[in-house]
Amino acid sequence: MNQLPHRRRADDVFRHFLAELAVDMANMGVSAAEIAAVLTRRREDIGIYLALDTLEYLKRGGRISGAQA
């Protein structure tokens, strides 16, 4: 699948978070089956939220109209 560059970077961050969680759980003695179950559930909870200071550059780039800005 062809993804946008920012999407790939976000996916890398998510994978890193889940990998750290798996390592921490393994170090606590949690079974592989339980780790897999937790990671599967947590994967659905991960998302990114953005807050913009201004809509100026979205307007300039044609992403939104002047009325929307």
Protein backbone atom coordinates (compact mmCIF):
# COMPACT_ATOMS: atom_id res chain seq x y z
CA MET A 1 0.00 0.00 0.00
CA ASN A 2 1.29 3.46 -0.87
CA GLN A 3 1.11 5.69 2.20
CA LEU A 4 1.98 9.32 2.72
CA PRO A 5 5.36 9.96 4.43
CA HIS A 6 3.75 11.42 7.56
CA ARG A 7 1.58 8.32 7.87
CA ARG A 8 4.63 6.04 7.80
CA ARG A 9 6.34 8.09 10.52
CA ALA A 10 3.22 7.90 12.69
CA ASP A 11 3.10 4.13 12.20
CA ASP A 12 6.75 3.91 13.28
CA VAL A 13 5.95 5.80 16.49
CA PHE A 14 3.03 3.46 17.21
CA ARG A 15 5.14 0.36 16.60
CA HIS A 16 7.86 1.70 18.88
CA PHE A 17 5.33 2.35 21.66
CA LEU A 18 3.89 -1.16 21.32
CA ALA A 19 7.37 -2.72 21.22
CA GLU A 20 8.34 -0.92 24.44
CA LEU A 21 5.11 -2.08 26.06
CA ALA A 22 5.83 -5.68 25.01
CA VAL A 23 9.38 -5.54 26.40
CA ASP A 24 8.15 -4.09 29.71
CA MET A 25 5.49 -6.79 30.01
CA ALA A 26 7.99 -9.55 29.16
CA ASN A 27 10.36 -8.21 31.83
CA MET A 28 7.50 -8.45 34.32
CA GLY A 29 7.03 -12.11 33.43
CA VAL A 30 3.82 -11.81 31.43
CA SER A 31 3.22 -14.68 29.02
CA ALA A 32 3.64 -14.23 25.27
CA ALA A 33 -0.05 -14.99 24.70
CA GLU A 34 -1.12 -12.29 27.15
CA ILE A 35 1.33 -9.79 25.63
CA ALA A 36 -0.10 -10.48 22.17
CA ALA A 37 -3.64 -10.01 23.46
CA VAL A 38 -2.79 -6.71 25.15
CA LEU A 39 -0.94 -5.38 22.10
CA THR A 40 -3.88 -6.27 19.86
CA ARG A 41 -6.26 -4.35 22.13
CA ARG A 42 -3.93 -1.38 22.55
CA ARG A 43 -3.33 -1.09 18.81
CA GLU A 44 -6.97 -0.03 18.40
CA ASP A 45 -6.59 2.71 21.05
CA ILE A 46 -3.69 4.56 19.43
CA GLY A 47 -4.31 7.76 17.49
CA ILE A 48 -2.85 11.16 16.72
CA TYR A 49 -4.43 14.49 17.46
CA LEU A 50 -3.11 17.72 16.02
CA ALA A 51 -3.71 21.27 17.18
CA LEU A 52 -2.82 24.11 14.86
CA ASP A 53 -2.00 27.64 15.96
CA THR A 54 -3.27 29.04 12.68
CA LEU A 55 -5.02 27.87 9.54
CA GLU A 56 -2.98 30.27 7.39
CA TYR A 57 -0.80 27.66 5.70
CA LEU A 58 -3.71 25.29 5.10
CA LYS A 59 -5.46 28.15 3.32
CA ARG A 60 -2.34 29.11 1.32
CA GLY A 61 -1.80 25.50 0.29
CA GLY A 62 -5.38 25.14 -0.91
CA ARG A 63 -6.32 22.56 1.74
CA ILE A 64 -9.17 24.79 2.97
CA SER A 65 -11.01 27.75 1.51
CA GLY A 66 -10.93 31.30 2.82
CA ALA A 67 -14.42 30.83 4.22
CA GLN A 68 -13.32 27.76 6.18
CA ALA A 69 -10.26 29.55 7.53
